[in-house]
Amino acid sequence: MMMALLKRSAVLATALGWLIAAALATAASAGGVGSRVFVVERASGSLAIYDFAERKLLPKRITGLGNLRHATMIFSPDLNFGYLATRSGQVSRIDLQRLERTEVVFTSENSIDNAISQDGRYIATAEYVPGGLTILDAERMEILRKHTATFEVGGKTIPSRVTGVVDAPGNRFVCVLIEGAEIWVVDASDSKFPIEHRIKTRQSNPYDAMITPDGRYYVVGHMKSDRVSILDLTRPEAGIREVSLRDPNRDYDKAMPVKLPHLASWAVAGKWIFVPLVGEDRLAVLDRVTWELAGSIPLRGHPVYAVRSPTEREVWVSFSGEEDDAFVQVIDVESLTVTDTLKVGRRIYHMDFTPRGSHVLISANQDNRLFLINAASHEIEDSVEINSPSGIFGPWRAFRIGL
């Protein structure tokens, strides 16, 4: 009798264990990998996971990730892993199915950007301290190569910070040296990862860079300059072209910016490139083919992010400053005018469209909320509480150049 009871208890315990495991697995996998977004919780050094298909925040958080100020997350082409680079100088590999960190590698004391190669085999991180570019094996999470960034001044070798690292066609990485004012093109198809091009910029103090969605142009912004440097990656030997963002037909008061726009915030839509300008109440509009200034769009405040819809019919713009940072303005790409102004939440830090452009995800840092907005009606469809949210990273970044 006792043996029968023990066997029955063991069977029940096993069944209960399987039920709990199944429930946890269901909770983790609701909606699947494609509908999850990873939201940086800056204050706590963690990632929250929101499923926009299920309209809910998953109960699991990924913690202990370090200093997540300006953290960036990229994704493997097979969507098995995400790679998070932090200002603590560490790269964490995140298992996208189990929603947990599986590996961590310290690449420097302070990192700013990361990128994954076209073939998905290598990770590049841009380093502030010590300055340089680090190449990792994405599968083994081992450091394969370090390029130290220095430049010469008066016979002295000076270290330089590196920023703006992106992947580029031909299995290349591209980055820029801040103090060194030099663009590097690195060949990731060669096991030695040589720097095949070093191109000096005529303007000093690059602070950020971006690559156009077609992977052709690498664009560098410069502090205290209204000019940007453009490198045609199909002809890098031709050198740098400079373009002015100053509008000769309009006068705008230039003020000290509360928050610098990142060049990754440039929106390329239709035949235009939309540029948020440092300390000015306008977007500059450049011709996508000629790179000539086509005009300006007046805005309610200092723009930070200009994010294009996948339809390329609209560009959504966020702002800095207490009077403006709760708002988003919607730009019509055809008419180049503001068609709507939305009040969302205080201190908007990041925005991104879902892959087909049906919705926009927006983090409001001061309100501790993530918003899901219908891109057609401009109505808020969902919002969830997240601690100090900033960067929003969806797995669709795996299939975009430069992200």
Protein backbone atom coordinates (compact mmCIF):
# COMPACT_ATOMS: atom_id res chain seq x y z
CA MET A 1 0.00 0.00 0.00
CA MET A 2 2.78 2.39 0.99
CA MET A 3 4.78 1.58 -2.16
CA ALA A 4 1.73 2.28 -4.33
CA LEU A 5 1.24 5.68 -2.65
CA LEU A 6 4.91 6.54 -3.14
CA LYS A 7 4.78 5.59 -6.82
CA ARG A 8 1.60 7.63 -7.29
CA SER A 9 3.22 10.63 -5.57
CA ALA A 10 6.29 10.32 -7.79
CA VAL A 11 4.13 10.22 -10.91
CA LEU A 12 2.15 13.27 -9.74
CA ALA A 13 5.36 15.17 -8.92
CA THR A 14 6.78 14.40 -12.35
CA ALA A 15 3.57 15.47 -14.06
CA LEU A 16 3.47 18.67 -12.01
CA GLY A 17 7.07 19.39 -12.96
CA TRP A 18 6.27 18.98 -16.65
CA LEU A 19 3.24 21.26 -16.30
CA ILE A 20 5.30 23.98 -14.61
CA ALA A 21 8.02 23.69 -17.24
CA ALA A 22 5.45 23.86 -20.02
CA ALA A 23 3.83 26.91 -18.44
CA LEU A 24 7.17 28.69 -18.13
CA ALA A 25 8.06 27.81 -21.71
CA THR A 26 4.71 29.16 -22.90
CA ALA A 27 5.24 32.37 -20.93
CA ALA A 28 8.68 32.82 -22.46
CA SER A 29 7.65 32.05 -26.02
CA ALA A 30 4.37 33.95 -26.27
CA GLY A 31 4.13 35.39 -29.75
CA GLY A 32 7.50 34.00 -30.85
CA VAL A 33 10.87 35.63 -31.43
CA GLY A 34 9.71 37.83 -34.31
CA SER A 35 7.22 39.84 -32.26
CA ARG A 36 9.43 40.47 -29.24
CA VAL A 37 11.27 43.70 -28.65
CA PHE A 38 14.06 44.13 -26.14
CA VAL A 39 13.84 47.39 -24.21
CA VAL A 40 16.84 48.75 -22.32
CA GLU A 41 16.09 49.58 -18.68
CA ARG A 42 18.91 52.06 -18.26
CA ALA A 43 18.74 52.66 -14.49
CA SER A 44 18.75 48.97 -13.51
CA GLY A 45 21.12 47.62 -16.18
CA SER A 46 18.53 45.17 -17.50
CA LEU A 47 16.48 44.27 -20.57
CA ALA A 48 12.69 44.06 -20.49
CA ILE A 49 10.93 42.02 -23.20
CA TYR A 50 7.66 43.22 -24.74
CA ASP A 51 5.61 41.09 -27.14
CA PHE A 52 3.71 43.42 -29.45
CA ALA A 53 1.69 40.56 -31.00
CA GLU A 54 0.37 39.54 -27.58
CA ARG A 55 0.27 43.14 -26.29
CA LYS A 56 2.04 42.26 -23.08
CA LEU A 57 5.26 42.58 -21.15
CA LEU A 58 6.85 39.19 -20.55
CA PRO A 59 7.48 38.34 -16.88
CA LYS A 60 11.15 37.57 -17.46
CA ARG A 61 13.87 40.23 -17.36
CA ILE A 62 17.54 39.86 -18.29
CA THR A 63 19.57 41.50 -15.52
CA GLY A 64 23.14 42.32 -14.54
CA LEU A 65 24.10 43.72 -17.94
CA GLY A 66 26.19 46.70 -16.79
CA ASN A 67 26.04 50.36 -17.78
CA LEU A 68 23.39 50.54 -20.51
CA ARG A 69 23.74 54.22 -21.38
CA HIS A 70 23.78 54.23 -25.21
CA ALA A 71 23.74 50.41 -25.23
CA THR A 72 23.16 48.83 -28.64
CA MET A 73 21.80 45.39 -29.51
CA ILE A 74 22.28 43.48 -32.76
CA PHE A 75 20.94 40.09 -33.84
CA SER A 76 22.30 36.99 -35.54
CA PRO A 77 20.82 36.22 -39.00
CA ASP A 78 19.31 32.95 -37.70
CA LEU A 79 17.63 34.83 -34.81
CA ASN A 80 19.14 32.52 -32.23
CA PHE A 81 21.09 35.26 -30.45
CA GLY A 82 21.24 38.96 -29.70
CA TYR A 83 24.47 40.76 -28.83
CA LEU A 84 24.37 43.71 -26.43
CA ALA A 85 27.31 46.16 -26.21
CA THR A 86 27.47 48.36 -23.12
CA ARG A 87 29.35 51.33 -21.74
CA SER A 88 30.85 48.90 -19.22
CA GLY A 89 32.95 47.50 -22.08
CA GLN A 90 31.19 44.16 -22.21
CA VAL A 91 29.39 42.29 -24.97
CA SER A 92 26.62 39.99 -23.71
CA ARG A 93 25.14 37.25 -25.86
CA ILE A 94 21.41 36.79 -25.29
CA ASP A 95 19.64 33.53 -26.13
CA LEU A 96 16.47 34.70 -27.89
CA GLN A 97 14.54 31.51 -27.14
CA ARG A 98 15.45 31.10 -23.48
CA LEU A 99 15.61 34.86 -22.87
CA GLU A 100 18.79 34.74 -20.83
CA ARG A 101 22.41 35.75 -21.13
CA THR A 102 24.60 32.82 -22.11
CA GLU A 103 28.01 34.47 -22.62
CA VAL A 104 29.80 37.70 -21.76
CA VAL A 105 33.11 39.06 -23.05
CA PHE A 106 34.87 42.19 -21.82
CA THR A 107 36.29 43.99 -24.84
CA SER A 108 37.32 47.30 -23.24
CA GLU A 109 36.64 49.64 -20.35
CA ASN A 110 34.03 51.58 -22.32
CA SER A 111 32.23 50.58 -25.55
CA ILE A 112 29.78 52.66 -27.60
CA ASP A 113 28.52 50.70 -30.67
CA ASN A 114 28.50 47.23 -32.17
CA ALA A 115 27.76 45.65 -35.55
CA ILE A 116 27.49 42.14 -36.97
CA SER A 117 29.16 41.17 -40.23
CA GLN A 118 27.20 40.45 -43.39
CA ASP A 119 27.86 36.70 -43.02
CA GLY A 120 26.87 36.76 -39.33
CA ARG A 121 30.20 35.32 -38.17
CA TYR A 122 31.80 38.34 -36.53
CA ILE A 123 30.93 41.10 -34.10
CA ALA A 124 32.72 44.47 -34.13
CA THR A 125 32.62 46.83 -31.15
CA ALA A 126 33.71 50.47 -31.16
CA GLU A 127 35.70 51.34 -28.06
CA TYR A 128 36.05 54.62 -26.20
CA VAL A 129 38.55 53.45 -23.54
CA PRO A 130 41.04 52.36 -24.65
CA GLY A 131 40.13 53.59 -28.10
CA GLY A 132 39.94 51.05 -30.90
CA LEU A 133 37.92 48.45 -32.76
CA THR A 134 37.51 44.90 -31.41
CA ILE A 135 36.49 41.93 -33.57
CA LEU A 136 34.79 38.93 -31.91
CA ASP A 137 33.88 35.47 -33.15
CA ALA A 138 30.07 35.49 -32.84
CA GLU A 139 29.81 31.75 -32.18
CA ARG A 140 32.72 31.20 -29.80
CA MET A 141 32.56 34.69 -28.26
CA GLU A 142 36.32 35.03 -28.46
CA ILE A 143 38.32 38.15 -29.31
CA LEU A 144 40.00 37.65 -32.70
CA ARG A 145 41.56 41.05 -33.36
CA LYS A 146 42.04 44.43 -31.71
CA HIS A 147 42.83 47.52 -33.76
CA THR A 148 44.21 50.23 -31.48
CA ALA A 149 43.15 53.73 -32.53
CA THR A 150 45.85 56.40 -32.35
CA PHE A 151 46.99 59.48 -34.26
CA GLU A 152 50.10 61.64 -34.34
CA VAL A 153 50.35 65.21 -33.00
CA GLY A 154 53.71 66.95 -32.83
CA GLY A 155 55.56 63.68 -32.88
CA LYS A 156 53.45 62.23 -30.07
CA THR A 157 51.09 59.27 -30.38
CA ILE A 158 47.66 60.14 -28.99
CA PRO A 159 44.81 57.64 -28.36
CA SER A 160 41.48 58.20 -30.09
CA ARG A 161 37.97 57.07 -29.29
CA VAL A 162 36.10 55.14 -31.98
CA THR A 163 32.39 55.37 -32.78
CA GLY A 164 29.84 54.80 -35.54
CA VAL A 165 30.72 51.17 -36.33
CA VAL A 166 28.41 49.61 -38.93
CA ASP A 167 28.38 46.57 -41.18
CA ALA A 168 28.73 47.22 -44.90
CA PRO A 169 28.41 45.17 -48.12
CA GLY A 170 31.34 42.96 -49.01
CA ASN A 171 31.60 41.73 -45.41
CA ARG A 172 33.13 45.00 -44.27
CA PHE A 173 32.99 47.01 -41.07
CA VAL A 174 33.23 50.80 -41.16
CA CYS A 175 33.92 53.11 -38.20
CA VAL A 176 35.32 56.58 -37.46
CA LEU A 177 37.97 57.88 -35.04
CA ILE A 178 36.73 60.85 -33.01
CA GLU A 179 39.97 62.60 -32.08
CA GLY A 180 41.81 61.03 -35.01
CA ALA A 181 39.21 62.30 -37.55
CA GLU A 182 39.68 59.24 -39.75
CA ILE A 183 37.34 56.67 -41.29
CA TRP A 184 38.39 53.01 -41.26
CA VAL A 185 37.10 50.32 -43.62
CA VAL A 186 37.90 46.84 -42.24
CA ASP A 187 37.77 43.65 -44.34
CA ALA A 188 35.99 40.94 -42.31
CA SER A 189 36.35 38.41 -45.15
CA ASP A 190 40.09 38.23 -44.34
CA SER A 191 40.99 36.28 -41.17
CA LYS A 192 43.45 39.04 -40.20
CA PHE A 193 40.73 41.73 -40.44
CA PRO A 194 42.99 44.31 -42.10
CA ILE A 195 42.15 48.01 -42.25
CA GLU A 196 42.02 48.29 -46.03
CA HIS A 197 41.20 52.01 -46.16
CA ARG A 198 42.06 54.89 -43.81
CA ILE A 199 40.41 58.10 -45.01
CA LYS A 200 40.97 61.40 -43.21
CA THR A 201 38.02 63.78 -42.81
CA ARG A 202 38.70 67.45 -43.51
CA GLN A 203 36.41 68.49 -40.66
CA SER A 204 37.55 67.70 -37.12
CA ASN A 205 35.76 66.06 -34.18
CA PRO A 206 33.49 63.43 -35.73
CA TYR A 207 30.90 62.49 -33.11
CA ASP A 208 28.76 59.87 -34.86
CA ALA A 209 28.15 58.20 -38.21
CA MET A 210 25.59 56.21 -40.17
CA ILE A 211 25.31 54.15 -43.34
CA THR A 212 22.48 54.58 -45.84
CA PRO A 213 19.99 51.68 -46.06
CA ASP A 214 21.43 50.54 -49.39
CA GLY A 215 24.89 50.27 -47.81
CA ARG A 216 26.50 52.68 -50.26
CA TYR A 217 27.25 55.86 -48.31
CA TYR A 218 28.89 56.27 -44.90
CA VAL A 219 28.02 59.66 -43.41
CA VAL A 220 29.92 61.33 -40.56
CA GLY A 221 28.72 64.25 -38.43
CA HIS A 222 31.11 66.72 -36.80
CA MET A 223 30.78 68.68 -33.57
CA LYS A 224 30.37 72.45 -33.99
CA SER A 225 30.10 72.13 -37.76
CA ASP A 226 27.19 72.44 -40.17
CA ARG A 227 28.99 70.18 -42.64
CA VAL A 228 28.95 66.38 -42.87
CA SER A 229 31.49 64.07 -44.48
CA ILE A 230 30.26 61.49 -46.99
CA LEU A 231 32.23 58.45 -48.16
CA ASP A 232 31.01 56.48 -51.17
CA LEU A 233 31.87 52.90 -50.16
CA THR A 234 31.78 51.76 -53.78
CA ARG A 235 34.67 54.16 -54.47
CA PRO A 236 36.46 54.80 -51.16
CA GLU A 237 39.65 55.71 -52.98
CA ALA A 238 37.87 58.85 -54.26
CA GLY A 239 37.91 60.22 -50.71
CA ILE A 240 35.52 62.38 -48.74
CA ARG A 241 32.79 64.64 -50.06
CA GLU A 242 31.49 67.40 -47.79
CA VAL A 243 27.89 68.62 -47.70
CA SER A 244 26.58 71.71 -45.91
CA LEU A 245 23.37 71.47 -43.88
CA ARG A 246 22.99 75.24 -43.67
CA ASP A 247 19.84 76.53 -45.36
CA PRO A 248 20.73 79.77 -47.19
CA ASN A 249 17.05 80.70 -47.55
CA ARG A 250 16.13 80.60 -43.88
CA ASP A 251 17.45 81.91 -40.58
CA TYR A 252 17.23 79.71 -37.50
CA ASP A 253 18.44 80.43 -34.01
CA LYS A 254 21.07 77.89 -33.08
CA ALA A 255 21.04 77.00 -29.38
CA MET A 256 23.00 74.61 -27.21
CA PRO A 257 21.38 71.19 -27.65
CA VAL A 258 19.91 69.38 -24.66
CA LYS A 259 20.59 66.06 -26.39
CA LEU A 260 22.74 65.45 -29.47
CA PRO A 261 20.97 63.76 -32.39
CA HIS A 262 22.63 60.49 -33.35
CA LEU A 263 23.36 60.09 -37.02
CA ALA A 264 21.60 56.73 -36.85
CA SER A 265 18.52 58.92 -36.42
CA TRP A 266 18.73 60.18 -40.01
CA ALA A 267 15.74 58.97 -42.00
CA VAL A 268 16.06 57.97 -45.66
CA ALA A 269 12.60 57.92 -47.24
CA GLY A 270 11.40 58.39 -50.79
CA LYS A 271 13.89 60.57 -52.65
CA TRP A 272 14.91 62.44 -49.51
CA ILE A 273 17.22 62.21 -46.52
CA PHE A 274 15.83 63.82 -43.35
CA VAL A 275 18.44 65.22 -40.97
CA PRO A 276 17.72 66.29 -37.34
CA LEU A 277 19.99 69.29 -36.71
CA VAL A 278 21.91 69.97 -33.51
CA GLY A 279 20.35 72.86 -31.59
CA GLU A 280 17.96 73.96 -34.38
CA ASP A 281 14.17 73.80 -34.75
CA ARG A 282 14.19 72.16 -38.16
CA LEU A 283 14.91 69.10 -40.24
CA ALA A 284 17.28 69.55 -43.13
CA VAL A 285 16.14 67.72 -46.26
CA LEU A 286 18.80 66.41 -48.65
CA ASP A 287 18.34 64.98 -52.13
CA ARG A 288 19.00 61.23 -51.90
CA VAL A 289 20.85 61.14 -55.24
CA THR A 290 22.80 64.40 -55.36
CA TRP A 291 23.18 65.00 -51.59
CA GLU A 292 22.35 68.66 -52.21
CA LEU A 293 20.25 70.54 -49.65
CA ALA A 294 16.64 70.58 -50.89
CA GLY A 295 15.15 72.62 -48.05
CA SER A 296 14.11 72.63 -44.41
CA ILE A 297 11.04 71.60 -42.43
CA PRO A 298 10.23 73.85 -39.42
CA LEU A 299 9.56 71.91 -36.20
CA ARG A 300 8.24 72.62 -32.70
CA GLY A 301 11.66 72.10 -31.04
CA HIS A 302 15.11 70.57 -31.29
CA PRO A 303 14.80 67.20 -33.07
CA VAL A 304 16.59 64.09 -31.82
CA TYR A 305 15.30 61.15 -33.86
CA ALA A 306 13.78 61.10 -37.34
CA VAL A 307 12.43 57.59 -37.97
CA ARG A 308 11.00 56.54 -41.32
CA SER A 309 8.03 54.28 -41.80
CA PRO A 310 8.79 51.12 -43.82
CA THR A 311 6.21 52.48 -46.26
CA GLU A 312 8.44 55.57 -46.71
CA ARG A 313 5.30 57.72 -46.63
CA GLU A 314 5.94 59.23 -43.19
CA VAL A 315 8.82 60.22 -40.94
CA TRP A 316 8.23 60.52 -37.18
CA VAL A 317 10.36 63.01 -35.23
CA SER A 318 11.11 63.17 -31.49
CA PHE A 319 12.55 66.10 -29.51
CA SER A 320 14.76 67.15 -26.61
CA GLY A 321 13.99 69.70 -23.88
CA GLU A 322 11.29 69.68 -21.19
CA GLU A 323 8.77 71.64 -23.27
CA ASP A 324 9.02 69.33 -26.26
CA ASP A 325 10.31 65.88 -25.29
CA ALA A 326 6.84 64.37 -24.75
CA PHE A 327 5.83 65.08 -28.35
CA VAL A 328 6.24 63.44 -31.74
CA GLN A 329 5.65 65.23 -35.02
CA VAL A 330 4.66 63.33 -38.16
CA ILE A 331 6.17 64.44 -41.49
CA ASP A 332 4.51 63.63 -44.81
CA VAL A 333 7.30 62.55 -47.18
CA GLU A 334 5.54 63.73 -50.34
CA SER A 335 4.59 67.25 -49.20
CA LEU A 336 7.50 67.69 -46.75
CA THR A 337 5.16 69.15 -44.13
CA VAL A 338 4.15 68.36 -40.55
CA THR A 339 0.77 66.64 -40.68
CA ASP A 340 0.25 65.73 -37.02
CA THR A 341 1.64 66.35 -33.54
CA LEU A 342 1.19 63.63 -30.92
CA LYS A 343 1.67 63.92 -27.17
CA VAL A 344 2.96 60.54 -26.00
CA GLY A 345 5.04 60.58 -22.80
CA ARG A 346 7.75 62.61 -21.13
CA ARG A 347 11.37 62.36 -22.25
CA ILE A 348 10.99 60.19 -25.33
CA TYR A 349 14.28 58.35 -25.81
CA HIS A 350 13.70 55.99 -28.70
CA MET A 351 11.24 55.07 -31.46
CA ASP A 352 11.00 52.26 -33.98
CA PHE A 353 8.43 51.00 -36.44
CA THR A 354 7.36 47.37 -36.51
CA PRO A 355 8.63 45.62 -39.68
CA ARG A 356 5.62 46.27 -41.92
CA GLY A 357 4.97 49.74 -40.59
CA SER A 358 1.67 49.05 -38.83
CA HIS A 359 2.79 50.32 -35.42
CA VAL A 360 5.38 52.48 -33.71
CA LEU A 361 7.08 51.59 -30.42
CA ILE A 362 8.10 54.58 -28.27
CA SER A 363 9.94 54.65 -24.93
CA ALA A 364 9.14 57.53 -22.53
CA ASN A 365 11.93 57.51 -19.97
CA GLN A 366 10.57 59.96 -17.42
CA ASP A 367 7.13 58.34 -17.41
CA ASN A 368 8.63 54.82 -17.20
CA ARG A 369 6.45 53.59 -20.04
CA LEU A 370 6.65 51.86 -23.40
CA PHE A 371 3.92 52.84 -25.88
CA LEU A 372 2.56 50.97 -28.90
CA ILE A 373 0.96 53.40 -31.36
CA ASN A 374 -1.13 52.60 -34.41
CA ALA A 375 0.80 54.15 -37.32
CA ALA A 376 -2.37 54.75 -39.37
CA SER A 377 -4.70 56.25 -36.76
CA HIS A 378 -1.94 57.66 -34.50
CA GLU A 379 -3.83 56.27 -31.51
CA ILE A 380 -2.10 54.65 -28.52
CA GLU A 381 -3.14 50.99 -28.55
CA ASP A 382 -1.10 49.78 -25.59
CA SER A 383 1.32 50.98 -22.93
CA VAL A 384 3.23 49.08 -20.27
CA GLU A 385 5.30 50.17 -17.29
CA ILE A 386 9.05 49.69 -17.76
CA ASN A 387 11.77 50.99 -15.46
CA SER A 388 13.72 53.87 -17.07
CA PRO A 389 13.23 52.68 -20.67
CA SER A 390 15.54 53.86 -23.44
CA GLY A 391 16.71 51.82 -26.46
CA ILE A 392 14.19 49.60 -28.30
CA PHE A 393 15.65 46.71 -30.28
CA GLY A 394 13.57 44.37 -32.45
CA PRO A 395 14.92 41.21 -34.12
CA TRP A 396 14.11 42.65 -37.56
CA ARG A 397 17.39 44.57 -37.16
CA ALA A 398 19.07 41.31 -38.20
CA PHE A 399 17.92 41.93 -41.77
CA ARG A 400 18.88 45.60 -42.18
CA ILE A 401 22.24 46.95 -43.32
CA GLY A 402 24.02 49.02 -40.70
CA LEU A 403 22.00 47.79 -37.73
